Amino acid sequence: VKDPDLIVLDEPFADLDSDIVEGIDGALLKLKDSGFIVISH
């Protein structure tokens, strides 16, 4: 909602079920106006 150029997400998939991970990951990939960096183990 802040309409940034870049979003940095720290461990957005940690401790989540695979179907929830897939949903959140799919939502991120729909971003067209902002790049993003996912930090993940």
PDB file of all heavy atoms in Angstrom:
ATOM      1  N   VAL A   1       0.822  -1.209   0.000  1.00  0.00           N
ATOM      2  CA  VAL A   1       0.000   0.000   0.000  1.00  0.00           C
ATOM      3  C   VAL A   1       0.860   1.266   0.000  1.00  0.00           C
ATOM      4  O   VAL A   1       0.390   2.352  -0.374  1.00  0.00           O
ATOM      5  CB  VAL A   1      -0.976  -0.026   1.206  1.00  0.00           C
ATOM      6  CG1 VAL A   1      -0.319   0.491   2.471  1.00  0.00           C
ATOM      7  CG2 VAL A   1      -2.256   0.742   0.899  1.00  0.00           C
ATOM      8  N   LYS A   2       2.120   1.124   0.379  1.00  0.00           N
ATOM      9  CA  LYS A   2       3.051   2.264   0.367  1.00  0.00           C
ATOM     10  C   LYS A   2       3.604   2.527  -1.037  1.00  0.00           C
ATOM     11  O   LYS A   2       4.318   3.506  -1.243  1.00  0.00           O
ATOM     12  CB  LYS A   2       4.219   2.005   1.329  1.00  0.00           C
ATOM     13  CG  LYS A   2       3.814   1.821   2.772  1.00  0.00           C
ATOM     14  CD  LYS A   2       3.259   3.088   3.376  1.00  0.00           C
ATOM     15  CE  LYS A   2       3.008   2.900   4.867  1.00  0.00           C
ATOM     16  NZ  LYS A   2       2.422   4.113   5.486  1.00  0.00           N
ATOM     17  N   ASP A   3       3.291   1.620  -1.978  1.00  0.00           N
ATOM     18  CA  ASP A   3       3.722   1.753  -3.369  1.00  0.00           C
ATOM     19  C   ASP A   3       5.241   1.910  -3.479  1.00  0.00           C
ATOM     20  O   ASP A   3       5.740   2.838  -4.123  1.00  0.00           O
ATOM     21  CB  ASP A   3       3.016   2.962  -4.015  1.00  0.00           C
ATOM     22  CG  ASP A   3       3.010   2.878  -5.533  1.00  0.00           C
ATOM     23  OD1 ASP A   3       3.130   1.756  -6.064  1.00  0.00           O
ATOM     24  OD2 ASP A   3       2.893   3.933  -6.185  1.00  0.00           O
ATOM     25  N   PRO A   4       6.010   0.972  -2.889  1.00  0.00           N
ATOM     26  CA  PRO A   4       7.475   1.108  -2.886  1.00  0.00           C
ATOM     27  C   PRO A   4       8.097   0.615  -4.187  1.00  0.00           C
ATOM     28  O   PRO A   4       7.462  -0.080  -4.980  1.00  0.00           O
ATOM     29  CB  PRO A   4       7.886   0.205  -1.718  1.00  0.00           C
ATOM     30  CG  PRO A   4       6.870  -0.901  -1.779  1.00  0.00           C
ATOM     31  CD  PRO A   4       5.573  -0.247  -2.197  1.00  0.00           C
ATOM     32  N   ASP A   5       9.370   0.945  -4.371  1.00  0.00           N
ATOM     33  CA  ASP A   5      10.138   0.384  -5.486  1.00  0.00           C
ATOM     34  C   ASP A   5      10.616  -1.026  -5.156  1.00  0.00           C
ATOM     35  O   ASP A   5      10.792  -1.858  -6.041  1.00  0.00           O
ATOM     36  CB  ASP A   5      11.359   1.263  -5.792  1.00  0.00           C
ATOM     37  CG  ASP A   5      10.965   2.631  -6.315  1.00  0.00           C
ATOM     38  OD1 ASP A   5       9.924   2.727  -6.985  1.00  0.00           O
ATOM     39  OD2 ASP A   5      11.685   3.595  -6.030  1.00  0.00           O
ATOM     40  N   LEU A   6      10.862  -1.277  -3.853  1.00  0.00           N
ATOM     41  CA  LEU A   6      11.437  -2.550  -3.427  1.00  0.00           C
ATOM     42  C   LEU A   6      10.827  -2.977  -2.102  1.00  0.00           C
ATOM     43  O   LEU A   6      10.659  -2.171  -1.185  1.00  0.00           O
ATOM     44  CB  LEU A   6      12.956  -2.415  -3.269  1.00  0.00           C
ATOM     45  CG  LEU A   6      13.718  -3.645  -2.770  1.00  0.00           C
ATOM     46  CD1 LEU A   6      13.663  -4.770  -3.794  1.00  0.00           C
ATOM     47  CD2 LEU A   6      15.163  -3.283  -2.447  1.00  0.00           C
ATOM     48  N   ILE A   7      10.485  -4.282  -2.018  1.00  0.00           N
ATOM     49  CA  ILE A   7      10.003  -4.869  -0.767  1.00  0.00           C
ATOM     50  C   ILE A   7      10.998  -5.947  -0.347  1.00  0.00           C
ATOM     51  O   ILE A   7      11.348  -6.815  -1.147  1.00  0.00           O
ATOM     52  CB  ILE A   7       8.603  -5.480  -0.936  1.00  0.00           C
ATOM     53  CG1 ILE A   7       7.594  -4.404  -1.373  1.00  0.00           C
ATOM     54  CG2 ILE A   7       8.132  -6.126   0.369  1.00  0.00           C
ATOM     55  CD1 ILE A   7       6.208  -4.952  -1.684  1.00  0.00           C
ATOM     56  N   VAL A   8      11.463  -5.870   0.895  1.00  0.00           N
ATOM     57  CA  VAL A   8      12.381  -6.877   1.443  1.00  0.00           C
ATOM     58  C   VAL A   8      11.616  -7.690   2.480  1.00  0.00           C
ATOM     59  O   VAL A   8      11.104  -7.137   3.453  1.00  0.00           O
ATOM     60  CB  VAL A   8      13.618  -6.223   2.088  1.00  0.00           C
ATOM     61  CG1 VAL A   8      14.549  -7.288   2.652  1.00  0.00           C
ATOM     62  CG2 VAL A   8      14.355  -5.347   1.081  1.00  0.00           C
ATOM     63  N   LEU A   9      11.517  -8.996   2.259  1.00  0.00           N
ATOM     64  CA  LEU A   9      10.751  -9.870   3.141  1.00  0.00           C
ATOM     65  C   LEU A   9      11.684 -10.864   3.834  1.00  0.00           C
ATOM     66  O   LEU A   9      12.378 -11.626   3.169  1.00  0.00           O
ATOM     67  CB  LEU A   9       9.685 -10.634   2.345  1.00  0.00           C
ATOM     68  CG  LEU A   9       8.705  -9.767   1.547  1.00  0.00           C
ATOM     69  CD1 LEU A   9       9.067  -9.808   0.061  1.00  0.00           C
ATOM     70  CD2 LEU A   9       7.278 -10.227   1.745  1.00  0.00           C
ATOM     71  N   ASP A  10      11.683 -10.814   5.158  1.00  0.00           N
ATOM     72  CA  ASP A  10      12.567 -11.674   5.951  1.00  0.00           C
ATOM     73  C   ASP A  10      11.813 -12.933   6.363  1.00  0.00           C
ATOM     74  O   ASP A  10      10.872 -12.874   7.167  1.00  0.00           O
ATOM     75  CB  ASP A  10      13.036 -10.912   7.186  1.00  0.00           C
ATOM     76  CG  ASP A  10      14.179 -11.602   7.898  1.00  0.00           C
ATOM     77  OD1 ASP A  10      14.602 -12.681   7.445  1.00  0.00           O
ATOM     78  OD2 ASP A  10      14.650 -11.058   8.915  1.00  0.00           O
ATOM     79  N   GLU A  11      12.197 -14.078   5.800  1.00  0.00           N
ATOM     80  CA  GLU A  11      11.611 -15.381   6.108  1.00  0.00           C
ATOM     81  C   GLU A  11      10.075 -15.376   6.035  1.00  0.00           C
ATOM     82  O   GLU A  11       9.391 -15.753   6.997  1.00  0.00           O
ATOM     83  CB  GLU A  11      12.051 -15.847   7.509  1.00  0.00           C
ATOM     84  CG  GLU A  11      13.536 -16.044   7.671  1.00  0.00           C
ATOM     85  CD  GLU A  11      14.070 -17.324   7.017  1.00  0.00           C
ATOM     86  OE1 GLU A  11      13.274 -18.032   6.386  1.00  0.00           O
ATOM     87  OE2 GLU A  11      15.273 -17.586   7.135  1.00  0.00           O
ATOM     88  N   PRO A  12       9.496 -14.970   4.896  1.00  0.00           N
ATOM     89  CA  PRO A  12       8.029 -14.906   4.810  1.00  0.00           C
ATOM     90  C   PRO A  12       7.357 -16.274   4.804  1.00  0.00           C
ATOM     91  O   PRO A  12       6.143 -16.365   5.017  1.00  0.00           O
ATOM     92  CB  PRO A  12       7.795 -14.183   3.480  1.00  0.00           C
ATOM     93  CG  PRO A  12       8.998 -14.515   2.657  1.00  0.00           C
ATOM     94  CD  PRO A  12      10.133 -14.563   3.638  1.00  0.00           C
ATOM     95  N   PHE A  13       8.125 -17.354   4.563  1.00  0.00           N
ATOM     96  CA  PHE A  13       7.530 -18.687   4.461  1.00  0.00           C
ATOM     97  C   PHE A  13       7.817 -19.566   5.674  1.00  0.00           C
ATOM     98  O   PHE A  13       7.406 -20.727   5.696  1.00  0.00           O
ATOM     99  CB  PHE A  13       8.051 -19.390   3.201  1.00  0.00           C
ATOM    100  CG  PHE A  13       7.900 -18.577   1.951  1.00  0.00           C
ATOM    101  CD1 PHE A  13       8.956 -18.457   1.058  1.00  0.00           C
ATOM    102  CD2 PHE A  13       6.726 -17.910   1.659  1.00  0.00           C
ATOM    103  CE1 PHE A  13       8.833 -17.703  -0.098  1.00  0.00           C
ATOM    104  CE2 PHE A  13       6.597 -17.150   0.511  1.00  0.00           C
ATOM    105  CZ  PHE A  13       7.649 -17.042  -0.375  1.00  0.00           C
ATOM    106  N   ALA A  14       8.517 -19.034   6.676  1.00  0.00           N
ATOM    107  CA  ALA A  14       8.907 -19.847   7.822  1.00  0.00           C
ATOM    108  C   ALA A  14       7.682 -20.337   8.591  1.00  0.00           C
ATOM    109  O   ALA A  14       6.732 -19.583   8.834  1.00  0.00           O
ATOM    110  CB  ALA A  14       9.811 -19.029   8.748  1.00  0.00           C
ATOM    111  N   ASP A  15       7.695 -21.614   8.952  1.00  0.00           N
ATOM    112  CA  ASP A  15       6.661 -22.228   9.803  1.00  0.00           C
ATOM    113  C   ASP A  15       5.267 -22.202   9.191  1.00  0.00           C
ATOM    114  O   ASP A  15       4.266 -22.214   9.920  1.00  0.00           O
ATOM    115  CB  ASP A  15       6.616 -21.531  11.177  1.00  0.00           C
ATOM    116  CG  ASP A  15       7.972 -21.520  11.869  1.00  0.00           C
ATOM    117  OD1 ASP A  15       8.662 -22.550  11.813  1.00  0.00           O
ATOM    118  OD2 ASP A  15       8.341 -20.489  12.441  1.00  0.00           O
ATOM    119  N   LEU A  16       5.178 -22.164   7.866  1.00  0.00           N
ATOM    120  CA  LEU A  16       3.879 -22.165   7.201  1.00  0.00           C
ATOM    121  C   LEU A  16       3.707 -23.456   6.402  1.00  0.00           C
ATOM    122  O   LEU A  16       4.670 -24.018   5.884  1.00  0.00           O
ATOM    123  CB  LEU A  16       3.741 -20.961   6.265  1.00  0.00           C
ATOM    124  CG  LEU A  16       3.764 -19.574   6.909  1.00  0.00           C
ATOM    125  CD1 LEU A  16       3.650 -18.497   5.827  1.00  0.00           C
ATOM    126  CD2 LEU A  16       2.654 -19.409   7.933  1.00  0.00           C
ATOM    127  N   ASP A  17       2.463 -23.919   6.293  1.00  0.00           N
ATOM    128  CA  ASP A  17       2.168 -25.094   5.492  1.00  0.00           C
ATOM    129  C   ASP A  17       2.451 -24.812   4.020  1.00  0.00           C
ATOM    130  O   ASP A  17       2.383 -23.663   3.570  1.00  0.00           O
ATOM    131  CB  ASP A  17       0.707 -25.516   5.660  1.00  0.00           C
ATOM    132  CG  ASP A  17       0.404 -25.991   7.073  1.00  0.00           C
ATOM    133  OD1 ASP A  17       1.347 -26.405   7.765  1.00  0.00           O
ATOM    134  OD2 ASP A  17      -0.774 -25.926   7.484  1.00  0.00           O
ATOM    135  N   SER A  18       2.726 -25.860   3.255  1.00  0.00           N
ATOM    136  CA  SER A  18       3.131 -25.707   1.854  1.00  0.00           C
ATOM    137  C   SER A  18       2.064 -25.007   1.013  1.00  0.00           C
ATOM    138  O   SER A  18       2.395 -24.224   0.123  1.00  0.00           O
ATOM    139  CB  SER A  18       3.456 -27.076   1.247  1.00  0.00           C
ATOM    140  OG  SER A  18       2.340 -27.945   1.336  1.00  0.00           O
ATOM    141  N   ASP A  19       0.769 -25.263   1.308  1.00  0.00           N
ATOM    142  CA  ASP A  19      -0.274 -24.609   0.517  1.00  0.00           C
ATOM    143  C   ASP A  19      -0.329 -23.114   0.797  1.00  0.00           C
ATOM    144  O   ASP A  19      -0.586 -22.306  -0.108  1.00  0.00           O
ATOM    145  CB  ASP A  19      -1.639 -25.254   0.759  1.00  0.00           C
ATOM    146  CG  ASP A  19      -2.051 -25.233   2.220  1.00  0.00           C
ATOM    147  OD1 ASP A  19      -1.153 -25.168   3.092  1.00  0.00           O
ATOM    148  OD2 ASP A  19      -3.265 -25.276   2.506  1.00  0.00           O
ATOM    149  N   ILE A  20      -0.047 -22.723   2.048  1.00  0.00           N
ATOM    150  CA  ILE A  20      -0.016 -21.294   2.394  1.00  0.00           C
ATOM    151  C   ILE A  20       1.207 -20.640   1.754  1.00  0.00           C
ATOM    152  O   ILE A  20       1.127 -19.526   1.230  1.00  0.00           O
ATOM    153  CB  ILE A  20       0.004 -21.100   3.920  1.00  0.00           C
ATOM    154  CG1 ILE A  20      -1.268 -21.684   4.540  1.00  0.00           C
ATOM    155  CG2 ILE A  20       0.127 -19.625   4.275  1.00  0.00           C
ATOM    156  CD1 ILE A  20      -1.278 -21.664   6.056  1.00  0.00           C
ATOM    157  N   VAL A  21       2.346 -21.346   1.788  1.00  0.00           N
ATOM    158  CA  VAL A  21       3.565 -20.844   1.137  1.00  0.00           C
ATOM    159  C   VAL A  21       3.298 -20.592  -0.340  1.00  0.00           C
ATOM    160  O   VAL A  21       3.663 -19.545  -0.887  1.00  0.00           O
ATOM    161  CB  VAL A  21       4.728 -21.845   1.312  1.00  0.00           C
ATOM    162  CG1 VAL A  21       5.904 -21.460   0.406  1.00  0.00           C
ATOM    163  CG2 VAL A  21       5.178 -21.897   2.755  1.00  0.00           C
ATOM    164  N   GLU A  22       2.644 -21.549  -0.979  1.00  0.00           N
ATOM    165  CA  GLU A  22       2.359 -21.419  -2.409  1.00  0.00           C
ATOM    166  C   GLU A  22       1.467 -20.216  -2.676  1.00  0.00           C
ATOM    167  O   GLU A  22       1.679 -19.475  -3.640  1.00  0.00           O
ATOM    168  CB  GLU A  22       1.685 -22.695  -2.915  1.00  0.00           C
ATOM    169  CG  GLU A  22       1.480 -22.715  -4.418  1.00  0.00           C
ATOM    170  CD  GLU A  22       0.967 -24.050  -4.915  1.00  0.00           C
ATOM    171  OE1 GLU A  22       1.041 -25.041  -4.158  1.00  0.00           O
ATOM    172  OE2 GLU A  22       0.513 -24.102  -6.073  1.00  0.00           O
ATOM    173  N   GLY A  23       0.486 -19.990  -1.805  1.00  0.00           N
ATOM    174  CA  GLY A  23      -0.415 -18.853  -1.991  1.00  0.00           C
ATOM    175  C   GLY A  23       0.285 -17.519  -1.832  1.00  0.00           C
ATOM    176  O   GLY A  23       0.095 -16.600  -2.631  1.00  0.00           O
ATOM    177  N   ILE A  24       1.119 -17.404  -0.794  1.00  0.00           N
ATOM    178  CA  ILE A  24       1.840 -16.156  -0.559  1.00  0.00           C
ATOM    179  C   ILE A  24       2.868 -15.912  -1.658  1.00  0.00           C
ATOM    180  O   ILE A  24       3.024 -14.797  -2.158  1.00  0.00           O
ATOM    181  CB  ILE A  24       2.510 -16.168   0.834  1.00  0.00           C
ATOM    182  CG1 ILE A  24       1.438 -16.137   1.929  1.00  0.00           C
ATOM    183  CG2 ILE A  24       3.469 -14.994   0.995  1.00  0.00           C
ATOM    184  CD1 ILE A  24       1.983 -16.233   3.338  1.00  0.00           C
ATOM    185  N   ASP A  25       3.563 -16.973  -2.061  1.00  0.00           N
ATOM    186  CA  ASP A  25       4.558 -16.852  -3.126  1.00  0.00           C
ATOM    187  C   ASP A  25       3.888 -16.426  -4.430  1.00  0.00           C
ATOM    188  O   ASP A  25       4.393 -15.571  -5.153  1.00  0.00           O
ATOM    189  CB  ASP A  25       5.281 -18.180  -3.310  1.00  0.00           C
ATOM    190  CG  ASP A  25       6.491 -18.056  -4.217  1.00  0.00           C
ATOM    191  OD1 ASP A  25       7.419 -17.320  -3.856  1.00  0.00           O
ATOM    192  OD2 ASP A  25       6.503 -18.687  -5.281  1.00  0.00           O
ATOM    193  N   GLY A  26       2.727 -17.005  -4.718  1.00  0.00           N
ATOM    194  CA  GLY A  26       1.988 -16.627  -5.923  1.00  0.00           C
ATOM    195  C   GLY A  26       1.564 -15.175  -5.886  1.00  0.00           C
ATOM    196  O   GLY A  26       1.605 -14.479  -6.908  1.00  0.00           O
ATOM    197  N   ALA A  27       1.177 -14.706  -4.692  1.00  0.00           N
ATOM    198  CA  ALA A  27       0.779 -13.298  -4.551  1.00  0.00           C
ATOM    199  C   ALA A  27       1.964 -12.370  -4.813  1.00  0.00           C
ATOM    200  O   ALA A  27       1.835 -11.346  -5.502  1.00  0.00           O
ATOM    201  CB  ALA A  27       0.219 -13.058  -3.147  1.00  0.00           C
ATOM    202  N   LEU A  28       3.136 -12.737  -4.293  1.00  0.00           N
ATOM    203  CA  LEU A  28       4.325 -11.912  -4.501  1.00  0.00           C
ATOM    204  C   LEU A  28       4.673 -11.802  -5.984  1.00  0.00           C
ATOM    205  O   LEU A  28       5.037 -10.730  -6.480  1.00  0.00           O
ATOM    206  CB  LEU A  28       5.513 -12.494  -3.737  1.00  0.00           C
ATOM    207  CG  LEU A  28       5.482 -12.379  -2.212  1.00  0.00           C
ATOM    208  CD1 LEU A  28       6.629 -13.182  -1.602  1.00  0.00           C
ATOM    209  CD2 LEU A  28       5.557 -10.936  -1.777  1.00  0.00           C
ATOM    210  N   LEU A  29       4.561 -12.921  -6.689  1.00  0.00           N
ATOM    211  CA  LEU A  29       4.936 -12.930  -8.106  1.00  0.00           C
ATOM    212  C   LEU A  29       3.976 -12.131  -8.975  1.00  0.00           C
ATOM    213  O   LEU A  29       4.272 -11.867 -10.138  1.00  0.00           O
ATOM    214  CB  LEU A  29       5.035 -14.376  -8.605  1.00  0.00           C
ATOM    215  CG  LEU A  29       6.235 -15.161  -8.051  1.00  0.00           C
ATOM    216  CD1 LEU A  29       6.129 -16.641  -8.400  1.00  0.00           C
ATOM    217  CD2 LEU A  29       7.547 -14.585  -8.574  1.00  0.00           C
ATOM    218  N   LYS A  30       2.828 -11.735  -8.418  1.00  0.00           N
ATOM    219  CA  LYS A  30       1.887 -10.897  -9.161  1.00  0.00           C
ATOM    220  C   LYS A  30       2.277  -9.417  -9.104  1.00  0.00           C
ATOM    221  O   LYS A  30       1.708  -8.602  -9.822  1.00  0.00           O
ATOM    222  CB  LYS A  30       0.471 -11.074  -8.609  1.00  0.00           C
ATOM    223  CG  LYS A  30      -0.150 -12.430  -8.917  1.00  0.00           C
ATOM    224  CD  LYS A  30      -1.553 -12.531  -8.324  1.00  0.00           C
ATOM    225  CE  LYS A  30      -2.158 -13.896  -8.578  1.00  0.00           C
ATOM    226  NZ  LYS A  30      -3.498 -14.030  -7.931  1.00  0.00           N
ATOM    227  N   LEU A  31       3.219  -9.089  -8.227  1.00  0.00           N
ATOM    228  CA  LEU A  31       3.651  -7.695  -8.129  1.00  0.00           C
ATOM    229  C   LEU A  31       4.296  -7.265  -9.438  1.00  0.00           C
ATOM    230  O   LEU A  31       5.208  -7.913  -9.926  1.00  0.00           O
ATOM    231  CB  LEU A  31       4.648  -7.519  -6.982  1.00  0.00           C
ATOM    232  CG  LEU A  31       4.119  -7.712  -5.557  1.00  0.00           C
ATOM    233  CD1 LEU A  31       5.272  -7.638  -4.571  1.00  0.00           C
ATOM    234  CD2 LEU A  31       3.079  -6.664  -5.228  1.00  0.00           C
ATOM    235  N   LYS A  32       3.835  -6.172  -9.988  1.00  0.00           N
ATOM    236  CA  LYS A  32       4.375  -5.672 -11.253  1.00  0.00           C
ATOM    237  C   LYS A  32       5.133  -4.362 -11.077  1.00  0.00           C
ATOM    238  O   LYS A  32       6.069  -4.072 -11.810  1.00  0.00           O
ATOM    239  CB  LYS A  32       3.230  -5.463 -12.263  1.00  0.00           C
ATOM    240  CG  LYS A  32       2.437  -6.727 -12.589  1.00  0.00           C
ATOM    241  CD  LYS A  32       3.297  -7.806 -13.212  1.00  0.00           C
ATOM    242  CE  LYS A  32       2.482  -9.040 -13.563  1.00  0.00           C
ATOM    243  NZ  LYS A  32       3.331 -10.157 -14.048  1.00  0.00           N
ATOM    244  N   ASP A  33       4.729  -3.560 -10.084  1.00  0.00           N
ATOM    245  CA  ASP A  33       5.317  -2.230  -9.924  1.00  0.00           C
ATOM    246  C   ASP A  33       6.437  -2.197  -8.889  1.00  0.00           C
ATOM    247  O   ASP A  33       7.117  -1.183  -8.741  1.00  0.00           O
ATOM    248  CB  ASP A  33       4.231  -1.221  -9.524  1.00  0.00           C
ATOM    249  CG  ASP A  33       3.131  -1.123 -10.581  1.00  0.00           C
ATOM    250  OD1 ASP A  33       3.458  -1.226 -11.776  1.00  0.00           O
ATOM    251  OD2 ASP A  33       1.964  -0.951 -10.208  1.00  0.00           O
ATOM    252  N   SER A  34       6.618  -3.285  -8.151  1.00  0.00           N
ATOM    253  CA  SER A  34       7.652  -3.331  -7.118  1.00  0.00           C
ATOM    254  C   SER A  34       8.488  -4.594  -7.277  1.00  0.00           C
ATOM    255  O   SER A  34       7.940  -5.678  -7.494  1.00  0.00           O
ATOM    256  CB  SER A  34       7.021  -3.339  -5.716  1.00  0.00           C
ATOM    257  OG  SER A  34       6.172  -2.221  -5.508  1.00  0.00           O
ATOM    258  N   GLY A  35       9.808  -4.444  -7.160  1.00  0.00           N
ATOM    259  CA  GLY A  35      10.647  -5.619  -7.065  1.00  0.00           C
ATOM    260  C   GLY A  35      10.628  -6.112  -5.629  1.00  0.00           C
ATOM    261  O   GLY A  35      10.214  -5.387  -4.722  1.00  0.00           O
ATOM    262  N   PHE A  36      11.050  -7.347  -5.410  1.00  0.00           N
ATOM    263  CA  PHE A  36      11.105  -7.817  -4.032  1.00  0.00           C
ATOM    264  C   PHE A  36      12.282  -8.758  -3.830  1.00  0.00           C
ATOM    265  O   PHE A  36      12.759  -9.406  -4.758  1.00  0.00           O
ATOM    266  CB  PHE A  36       9.789  -8.480  -3.590  1.00  0.00           C
ATOM    267  CG  PHE A  36       9.444  -9.765  -4.288  1.00  0.00           C
ATOM    268  CD1 PHE A  36       9.967 -10.988  -3.859  1.00  0.00           C
ATOM    269  CD2 PHE A  36       8.561  -9.781  -5.355  1.00  0.00           C
ATOM    270  CE1 PHE A  36       9.643 -12.170  -4.481  1.00  0.00           C
ATOM    271  CE2 PHE A  36       8.221 -10.959  -5.987  1.00  0.00           C
ATOM    272  CZ  PHE A  36       8.758 -12.165  -5.551  1.00  0.00           C
ATOM    273  N   ILE A  37      12.743  -8.789  -2.579  1.00  0.00           N
ATOM    274  CA  ILE A  37      13.815  -9.687  -2.160  1.00  0.00           C
ATOM    275  C   ILE A  37      13.275 -10.542  -1.026  1.00  0.00           C
ATOM    276  O   ILE A  37      12.777 -10.017  -0.028  1.00  0.00           O
ATOM    277  CB  ILE A  37      15.048  -8.912  -1.667  1.00  0.00           C
ATOM    278  CG1 ILE A  37      15.624  -8.026  -2.777  1.00  0.00           C
ATOM    279  CG2 ILE A  37      16.117  -9.870  -1.165  1.00  0.00           C
ATOM    280  CD1 ILE A  37      16.717  -7.089  -2.300  1.00  0.00           C
ATOM    281  N   VAL A  38      13.331 -11.852  -1.195  1.00  0.00           N
ATOM    282  CA  VAL A  38      12.918 -12.788  -0.151  1.00  0.00           C
ATOM    283  C   VAL A  38      14.173 -13.372   0.484  1.00  0.00           C
ATOM    284  O   VAL A  38      15.049 -13.898  -0.205  1.00  0.00           O
ATOM    285  CB  VAL A  38      12.036 -13.919  -0.725  1.00  0.00           C
ATOM    286  CG1 VAL A  38      11.927 -15.076   0.257  1.00  0.00           C
ATOM    287  CG2 VAL A  38      10.654 -13.391  -1.070  1.00  0.00           C
ATOM    288  N   ILE A  39      14.272 -13.259   1.811  1.00  0.00           N
ATOM    289  CA  ILE A  39      15.351 -13.871   2.567  1.00  0.00           C
ATOM    290  C   ILE A  39      14.806 -15.168   3.157  1.00  0.00           C
ATOM    291  O   ILE A  39      13.768 -15.158   3.830  1.00  0.00           O
ATOM    292  CB  ILE A  39      15.828 -12.949   3.714  1.00  0.00           C
ATOM    293  CG1 ILE A  39      16.148 -11.534   3.197  1.00  0.00           C
ATOM    294  CG2 ILE A  39      17.011 -13.557   4.438  1.00  0.00           C
ATOM    295  CD1 ILE A  39      17.284 -11.444   2.247  1.00  0.00           C
ATOM    296  N   SER A  40      15.462 -16.291   2.905  1.00  0.00           N
ATOM    297  CA  SER A  40      14.897 -17.568   3.343  1.00  0.00           C
ATOM    298  C   SER A  40      15.972 -18.606   3.650  1.00  0.00           C
ATOM    299  O   SER A  40      17.000 -18.668   2.975  1.00  0.00           O
ATOM    300  CB  SER A  40      13.960 -18.114   2.255  1.00  0.00           C
ATOM    301  OG  SER A  40      13.416 -19.360   2.622  1.00  0.00           O
ATOM    302  N   HIS A  41      15.703 -19.424   4.673  1.00  0.00           N
ATOM    303  CA  HIS A  41      16.579 -20.576   4.940  1.00  0.00           C
ATOM    304  C   HIS A  41      16.058 -21.811   4.206  1.00  0.00           C
ATOM    305  O   HIS A  41      16.691 -22.854   4.223  1.00  0.00           O
ATOM    306  CB  HIS A  41      16.660 -20.861   6.444  1.00  0.00           C
ATOM    307  CG  HIS A  41      15.392 -21.410   7.026  1.00  0.00           C
ATOM    308  ND1 HIS A  41      14.347 -20.601   7.419  1.00  0.00           N
ATOM    309  CD2 HIS A  41      15.000 -22.687   7.273  1.00  0.00           C
ATOM    310  CE1 HIS A  41      13.366 -21.363   7.886  1.00  0.00           C
ATOM    311  NE2 HIS A  41      13.730 -22.628   7.809  1.00  0.00           N
TER     312      HIS A  41
END
